[in-house]
Amino acid sequence: MMVAACWYASHGLPVFPLKPRAKEPLTPHGFKDATTDQVRIAAWWQEWPDANIGIPTGTATGLLAVDVDPRNGGDDSLEQLLLKHGRLPDTAEQMTGARGRHILFRHPGFPVPKALAPGIDLKGDGGYIVVAPSVHPNGNSYRWDGIAGAKALLNPAPAPSWLVELIQAQHNGARAVPAADGKEKWATGERNNCLTSLAGTMRWRGMAREAIEAALLAENRRRCDPPLSETEVCGIAESVASYKPAEERNQPARGDDATRSNWPDELKPEAFHGVAGEVIRAIEPHSEADPAALLIQFLVGFGNVI
C-alpha cells in the first residue's frame, strides 16, 4: 500500500489513508488532508500499513469519477445511457471490490450533481474514491482495468459531450437565477464551490495564481449573491494554485528514474536476501499479503526497533 500510495503522489495525485478494508478516512480532515508529500505519506503507512488509499476528486486532482454501482441498478442505467449516446471514450477505469466501476474523466470545471442516474453517482469537488490496490470490506481488491492500467489515471479523457450536457442540465436546472449580464447567479451555500471549480479549471490549464485571483475577484463581484469577501476569494486562489497544472502532472518527479514512473512490479528474488528474506519466506505461506508488502513492513518495523 505504501509503495502504491507513493507512486500516485510521485505523479502529482494527492493521497490520504483510509481504514483497512473500508472507505472511512484515518486522518482528522479526511480528503482535505490529502498530500503528495512522500515523507508524510510514508509516516501514515508506517503507522497504518494496511490502510486503504483515497484520492480526492474535483479541483484537487482535476478528476471526475463516474461511480457505477451494480447493486443499485448502475449497470442497467449505464447500458441505457450508452445505447442512447454511444460508447465512452477510452479512459482510466477501475474495477471496485464490490464488482462496480469507477470511470475517470477530466473534471469539467463546474460543480457536478451527486447522482446521474439510478446506481450511478458522480464525484467532483468534495468527494474522493478508493483506489487500487485497496481492499474492499468483502476482501476483494480494487484494480485498474485496461492495457494502460494505473497509468491511464495520469491522462484521463475529457468527459464526453453528452455527459457534460447531462451534468449541465441538472446543474443549471437546480439554480437558473439569471444575472443582469444573462449569466446565472451563485447564491449563498454554492458561491465557494463554484469559484473553487472555476479556479481549478484555470489552474489545470496552467494559469498562475495572480491571474486566477484576478478572474475570481471579477466573477465574485458579477455572479455571487451576495459577493464573498475579497480575503476569502484570494484564499481560494492561493489554495488552488498550490496544485500542479495538467502538463506538470504528467511529468515524473525530479530525480525519478525509469522504474519509479511505472506501477510497482513484483520484487526480484534477490530483494529477499539475508535474514529479512528468510523471515518473509517463513511468513508468506500463512499470509494473504503480497511478499513485497511483507518485506516493506518488516524493514520498517526493524528500522523502528533500531
Protein backbone atom coordinates (compact mmCIF):
# COMPACT_ATOMS: atom_id res chain seq x y z
CA MET A 1 0.00 0.00 0.00
CA MET A 2 2.83 2.39 0.85
CA VAL A 3 4.57 1.77 -2.49
CA ALA A 4 1.34 2.36 -4.43
CA ALA A 5 0.47 5.48 -2.42
CA CYS A 6 3.93 6.92 -3.15
CA TRP A 7 3.53 6.09 -6.83
CA TYR A 8 0.30 8.11 -7.06
CA ALA A 9 1.90 11.01 -5.17
CA SER A 10 5.03 11.00 -7.36
CA HIS A 11 2.76 11.69 -10.33
CA GLY A 12 1.03 14.67 -8.72
CA LEU A 13 -2.03 12.86 -7.33
CA PRO A 14 -2.54 13.65 -3.62
CA VAL A 15 -3.47 10.67 -1.43
CA PHE A 16 -4.67 10.06 2.13
CA PRO A 17 -5.16 6.89 4.21
CA LEU A 18 -8.48 5.12 4.77
CA LYS A 19 -9.32 2.47 7.33
CA PRO A 20 -8.20 -1.02 6.23
CA ARG A 21 -10.88 -2.77 4.16
CA ALA A 22 -13.07 0.35 4.48
CA LYS A 23 -13.74 3.79 2.99
CA GLU A 24 -13.63 5.92 6.16
CA PRO A 25 -10.63 8.31 6.43
CA LEU A 26 -7.99 7.81 9.12
CA THR A 27 -6.92 11.46 9.11
CA PRO A 28 -8.78 14.20 11.04
CA HIS A 29 -9.97 16.13 7.97
CA GLY A 30 -10.40 13.27 5.53
CA PHE A 31 -9.73 14.08 1.87
CA LYS A 32 -8.72 17.62 2.84
CA ASP A 33 -5.55 16.11 4.35
CA ALA A 34 -4.54 14.52 1.02
CA THR A 35 -0.96 15.30 0.03
CA THR A 36 1.85 14.45 -2.37
CA ASP A 37 4.45 14.81 0.40
CA GLN A 38 6.32 11.49 0.34
CA VAL A 39 7.59 11.89 3.92
CA ARG A 40 4.10 12.37 5.32
CA ILE A 41 2.76 9.52 3.21
CA ALA A 42 5.49 7.17 4.45
CA ALA A 43 4.69 8.16 8.04
CA TRP A 44 0.98 7.44 7.53
CA TRP A 45 1.58 3.98 6.11
CA GLN A 46 4.19 3.15 8.72
CA GLU A 47 1.51 3.86 11.32
CA TRP A 48 -1.26 2.11 9.34
CA PRO A 49 0.49 -0.36 6.95
CA ASP A 50 -2.80 -1.95 5.84
CA ALA A 51 -4.61 1.34 5.23
CA ASN A 52 -6.56 1.70 2.01
CA ILE A 53 -5.70 4.59 -0.34
CA GLY A 54 -8.01 7.50 -1.10
CA ILE A 55 -7.65 10.11 -3.87
CA PRO A 56 -9.76 13.32 -3.91
CA THR A 57 -11.81 14.17 -6.97
CA GLY A 58 -12.62 17.61 -8.37
CA THR A 59 -10.29 20.59 -8.21
CA ALA A 60 -7.58 18.86 -6.18
CA THR A 61 -6.82 16.34 -8.93
CA GLY A 62 -8.76 17.52 -11.98
CA LEU A 63 -10.72 14.26 -11.90
CA LEU A 64 -14.41 13.48 -12.38
CA ALA A 65 -15.39 9.97 -11.25
CA VAL A 66 -18.44 8.17 -12.61
CA ASP A 67 -19.23 5.61 -9.91
CA VAL A 68 -21.29 2.69 -11.25
CA ASP A 69 -22.86 0.50 -8.54
CA PRO A 70 -24.50 -2.66 -9.97
CA ARG A 71 -26.23 -3.37 -6.66
CA ASN A 72 -28.44 -0.32 -7.21
CA GLY A 73 -29.03 -0.77 -10.94
CA GLY A 74 -25.94 1.06 -12.15
CA ASP A 75 -25.12 -1.44 -14.91
CA ASP A 76 -28.63 -1.14 -16.36
CA SER A 77 -28.54 2.66 -16.17
CA LEU A 78 -25.14 2.79 -17.88
CA GLU A 79 -26.32 0.43 -20.61
CA GLN A 80 -29.31 2.67 -21.35
CA LEU A 81 -27.09 5.76 -21.50
CA LEU A 82 -24.64 4.07 -23.87
CA LEU A 83 -27.43 2.82 -26.12
CA LYS A 84 -28.70 6.37 -26.41
CA HIS A 85 -25.42 8.30 -26.62
CA GLY A 86 -22.80 5.82 -27.87
CA ARG A 87 -19.70 4.26 -26.31
CA LEU A 88 -17.49 6.04 -23.81
CA PRO A 89 -14.02 7.22 -24.87
CA ASP A 90 -11.03 5.20 -23.73
CA THR A 91 -10.03 6.47 -20.31
CA ALA A 92 -8.95 5.33 -16.85
CA GLU A 93 -11.26 2.70 -15.42
CA GLN A 94 -11.13 0.84 -12.14
CA MET A 95 -12.96 -2.27 -11.00
CA THR A 96 -14.09 -1.87 -7.41
CA GLY A 97 -14.10 -4.63 -4.84
CA ALA A 98 -17.91 -4.76 -4.99
CA ARG A 99 -17.94 -5.54 -8.75
CA GLY A 100 -18.66 -1.90 -9.53
CA ARG A 101 -16.73 0.50 -11.75
CA HIS A 102 -15.03 3.87 -11.43
CA ILE A 103 -14.79 5.59 -14.82
CA LEU A 104 -12.47 8.62 -14.64
CA PHE A 105 -12.61 11.73 -16.84
CA ARG A 106 -11.16 15.22 -16.63
CA HIS A 107 -13.22 17.40 -14.34
CA PRO A 108 -15.48 19.72 -16.43
CA GLY A 109 -14.64 22.77 -14.30
CA PHE A 110 -18.01 23.36 -12.65
CA PRO A 111 -19.94 21.70 -9.80
CA VAL A 112 -21.45 18.32 -10.60
CA PRO A 113 -24.55 16.70 -9.05
CA LYS A 114 -24.10 13.75 -6.73
CA ALA A 115 -26.27 11.42 -8.83
CA LEU A 116 -26.53 10.97 -12.60
CA ALA A 117 -28.95 8.04 -12.83
CA PRO A 118 -30.12 5.15 -10.63
CA GLY A 119 -26.97 3.38 -9.41
CA ILE A 120 -24.62 5.97 -10.98
CA ASP A 121 -23.06 8.65 -8.76
CA LEU A 122 -20.73 11.45 -9.76
CA LYS A 123 -17.76 12.56 -7.65
CA GLY A 124 -16.25 16.00 -8.10
CA ASP A 125 -15.35 18.67 -5.56
CA GLY A 126 -15.89 17.43 -2.02
CA GLY A 127 -15.58 13.76 -2.98
CA TYR A 128 -12.98 11.03 -3.24
CA ILE A 129 -12.52 7.48 -4.49
CA VAL A 130 -10.79 4.42 -3.09
CA VAL A 131 -8.02 3.26 -5.43
CA ALA A 132 -6.05 0.08 -6.14
CA PRO A 133 -4.60 -1.95 -4.57
CA SER A 134 -7.02 -1.13 -1.72
CA VAL A 135 -9.18 -3.92 -0.33
CA HIS A 136 -12.99 -3.84 -0.13
CA PRO A 137 -14.74 -4.94 3.11
CA ASN A 138 -15.64 -8.19 1.32
CA GLY A 139 -11.94 -9.00 0.81
CA ASN A 140 -11.80 -8.27 -2.94
CA SER A 141 -9.15 -5.86 -4.20
CA TYR A 142 -9.67 -2.76 -6.31
CA ARG A 143 -7.77 -3.00 -9.60
CA TRP A 144 -7.16 -0.83 -12.64
CA ASP A 145 -8.56 -2.18 -15.88
CA GLY A 146 -7.28 -1.92 -19.43
CA ILE A 147 -3.86 -2.17 -21.08
CA ALA A 148 -2.55 1.07 -19.54
CA GLY A 149 -3.68 0.10 -16.05
CA ALA A 150 -2.97 2.75 -13.41
CA LYS A 151 -1.05 4.89 -15.95
CA ALA A 152 -4.36 5.79 -17.63
CA LEU A 153 -5.19 7.80 -14.49
CA LEU A 154 -2.36 10.20 -15.34
CA ASN A 155 -4.05 11.40 -18.53
CA PRO A 156 -7.82 10.74 -18.37
CA ALA A 157 -10.01 11.53 -21.36
CA PRO A 158 -12.26 14.61 -21.38
CA ALA A 159 -15.81 13.78 -20.38
CA PRO A 160 -17.91 13.07 -23.50
CA SER A 161 -20.07 15.98 -24.63
CA TRP A 162 -23.32 14.17 -23.87
CA LEU A 163 -22.23 13.56 -20.28
CA VAL A 164 -21.25 17.21 -19.86
CA GLU A 165 -24.64 18.26 -21.25
CA LEU A 166 -26.46 15.98 -18.81
CA ILE A 167 -24.46 17.39 -15.91
CA GLN A 168 -25.05 20.97 -17.04
CA ALA A 169 -28.77 20.32 -17.42
CA GLN A 170 -29.02 19.17 -13.80
CA HIS A 171 -26.63 21.89 -12.65
CA ASN A 172 -28.49 24.74 -14.38
CA GLY A 173 -31.91 23.37 -13.61
CA ALA A 174 -31.16 23.45 -9.91
CA ARG A 175 -30.26 27.13 -9.83
CA ALA A 176 -31.07 29.04 -13.00
CA VAL A 177 -31.12 32.54 -11.47
CA PRO A 178 -30.05 34.97 -14.20
CA ALA A 179 -27.82 37.96 -13.50
CA ALA A 180 -28.01 41.27 -15.30
CA ASP A 181 -25.50 40.09 -17.91
CA GLY A 182 -27.52 36.95 -18.63
CA LYS A 183 -25.30 34.62 -16.58
CA GLU A 184 -26.69 32.73 -13.62
CA LYS A 185 -26.13 33.94 -10.07
CA TRP A 186 -24.35 31.89 -7.39
CA ALA A 187 -26.27 32.04 -4.13
CA THR A 188 -25.19 31.51 -0.53
CA GLY A 189 -24.10 27.91 0.01
CA GLU A 190 -22.74 27.46 -3.52
CA ARG A 191 -20.53 30.53 -4.06
CA ASN A 192 -17.37 28.94 -2.65
CA ASN A 193 -17.79 25.68 -4.59
CA CYS A 194 -18.46 27.50 -7.87
CA LEU A 195 -15.44 29.77 -7.52
CA THR A 196 -13.25 26.83 -6.49
CA SER A 197 -14.31 24.80 -9.54
CA LEU A 198 -13.67 27.79 -11.79
CA ALA A 199 -10.22 28.24 -10.23
CA GLY A 200 -9.49 24.53 -10.68
CA THR A 201 -10.20 24.72 -14.40
CA MET A 202 -7.88 27.71 -14.80
CA ARG A 203 -5.10 26.08 -12.78
CA TRP A 204 -5.50 22.81 -14.74
CA ARG A 205 -4.77 24.84 -17.88
CA GLY A 206 -1.62 26.32 -16.32
CA MET A 207 -2.77 29.78 -15.19
CA ALA A 208 -0.75 31.45 -12.42
CA ARG A 209 -2.16 32.39 -9.01
CA GLU A 210 -2.27 36.13 -9.85
CA ALA A 211 -4.35 35.51 -12.98
CA ILE A 212 -6.68 33.12 -11.17
CA GLU A 213 -7.14 35.61 -8.34
CA ALA A 214 -8.00 38.46 -10.71
CA ALA A 215 -10.54 36.34 -12.57
CA LEU A 216 -12.16 35.09 -9.36
CA LEU A 217 -12.49 38.60 -7.95
CA ALA A 218 -14.25 39.71 -11.14
CA GLU A 219 -16.61 36.72 -11.15
CA ASN A 220 -17.26 37.17 -7.43
CA ARG A 221 -18.46 40.74 -8.00
CA ARG A 222 -20.56 39.84 -11.01
CA ARG A 223 -22.10 36.49 -10.09
CA CYS A 224 -22.00 35.83 -6.32
CA ASP A 225 -25.15 36.92 -4.48
CA PRO A 226 -24.02 38.44 -2.18
CA PRO A 227 -20.30 38.58 -3.07
CA LEU A 228 -17.78 36.85 -0.81
CA SER A 229 -15.14 38.90 0.98
CA GLU A 230 -12.01 39.68 -1.04
CA THR A 231 -9.93 37.84 1.56
CA GLU A 232 -11.94 34.64 1.09
CA VAL A 233 -11.70 34.83 -2.70
CA CYS A 234 -7.93 35.37 -2.56
CA GLY A 235 -7.71 32.38 -0.22
CA ILE A 236 -9.44 30.19 -2.81
CA ALA A 237 -6.98 31.30 -5.49
CA GLU A 238 -3.98 30.66 -3.25
CA SER A 239 -5.22 27.20 -2.25
CA VAL A 240 -5.95 26.06 -5.81
CA ALA A 241 -2.65 27.47 -7.12
CA SER A 242 -0.79 25.02 -4.87
CA TYR A 243 -1.81 22.17 -7.18
CA LYS A 244 0.18 21.27 -10.27
CA PRO A 245 -1.26 22.17 -13.71
CA ALA A 246 -2.05 19.38 -16.16
CA GLU A 247 1.24 19.42 -18.07
CA GLU A 248 3.28 19.07 -14.87
CA ARG A 249 1.21 16.17 -13.53
CA ASN A 250 2.24 14.03 -16.48
CA GLN A 251 5.96 14.60 -15.82
CA PRO A 252 7.89 12.30 -13.43
CA ALA A 253 9.06 13.91 -10.22
CA ARG A 254 12.61 15.34 -10.16
CA GLY A 255 15.18 12.65 -9.51
CA ASP A 256 12.85 9.82 -10.56
CA ASP A 257 14.42 7.03 -12.53
CA ALA A 258 12.63 4.91 -15.12
CA THR A 259 11.41 2.37 -12.60
CA ARG A 260 9.58 4.94 -10.47
CA SER A 261 7.44 6.03 -13.42
CA ASN A 262 5.89 2.57 -13.59
CA TRP A 263 3.26 0.91 -11.46
CA PRO A 264 5.10 -1.16 -8.82
CA ASP A 265 6.15 -4.56 -10.18
CA GLU A 266 6.93 -7.70 -8.23
CA LEU A 267 10.28 -7.53 -6.47
CA LYS A 268 13.04 -9.69 -7.91
CA PRO A 269 14.17 -12.75 -5.91
CA GLU A 270 17.45 -11.07 -4.94
CA ALA A 271 15.46 -8.47 -2.94
CA PHE A 272 14.60 -11.19 -0.41
CA HIS A 273 18.10 -11.84 0.87
CA GLY A 274 19.57 -12.37 4.31
CA VAL A 275 17.55 -12.52 7.50
CA ALA A 276 14.74 -10.40 6.02
CA GLY A 277 14.30 -12.83 3.13
CA GLU A 278 14.21 -15.82 5.48
CA VAL A 279 11.54 -14.18 7.61
CA ILE A 280 9.37 -13.33 4.59
CA ARG A 281 9.68 -16.86 3.16
CA ALA A 282 8.56 -18.22 6.53
CA ILE A 283 5.57 -15.84 6.81
CA GLU A 284 4.32 -15.79 3.21
CA PRO A 285 2.62 -19.23 3.16
CA HIS A 286 0.49 -18.16 6.12
CA SER A 287 -0.48 -14.71 4.85
CA GLU A 288 -2.61 -13.27 2.03
CA ALA A 289 -0.34 -10.22 1.80
CA ASP A 290 1.95 -9.59 -1.16
CA PRO A 291 5.60 -10.59 -0.41
CA ALA A 292 6.77 -7.07 -1.27
CA ALA A 293 4.33 -5.61 1.25
CA LEU A 294 5.56 -8.06 3.89
CA LEU A 295 9.15 -7.12 3.18
CA ILE A 296 8.44 -3.39 3.45
CA GLN A 297 6.55 -3.86 6.73
CA PHE A 298 9.39 -5.98 8.12
CA LEU A 299 12.06 -3.45 7.14
CA VAL A 300 10.05 -0.53 8.53
CA GLY A 301 9.46 -2.37 11.80
CA PHE A 302 13.09 -3.46 12.03
CA GLY A 303 14.21 0.10 11.35
CA ASN A 304 11.95 1.42 14.10
CA VAL A 305 13.43 -1.09 16.55
CA ILE A 306 16.94 0.03 15.68
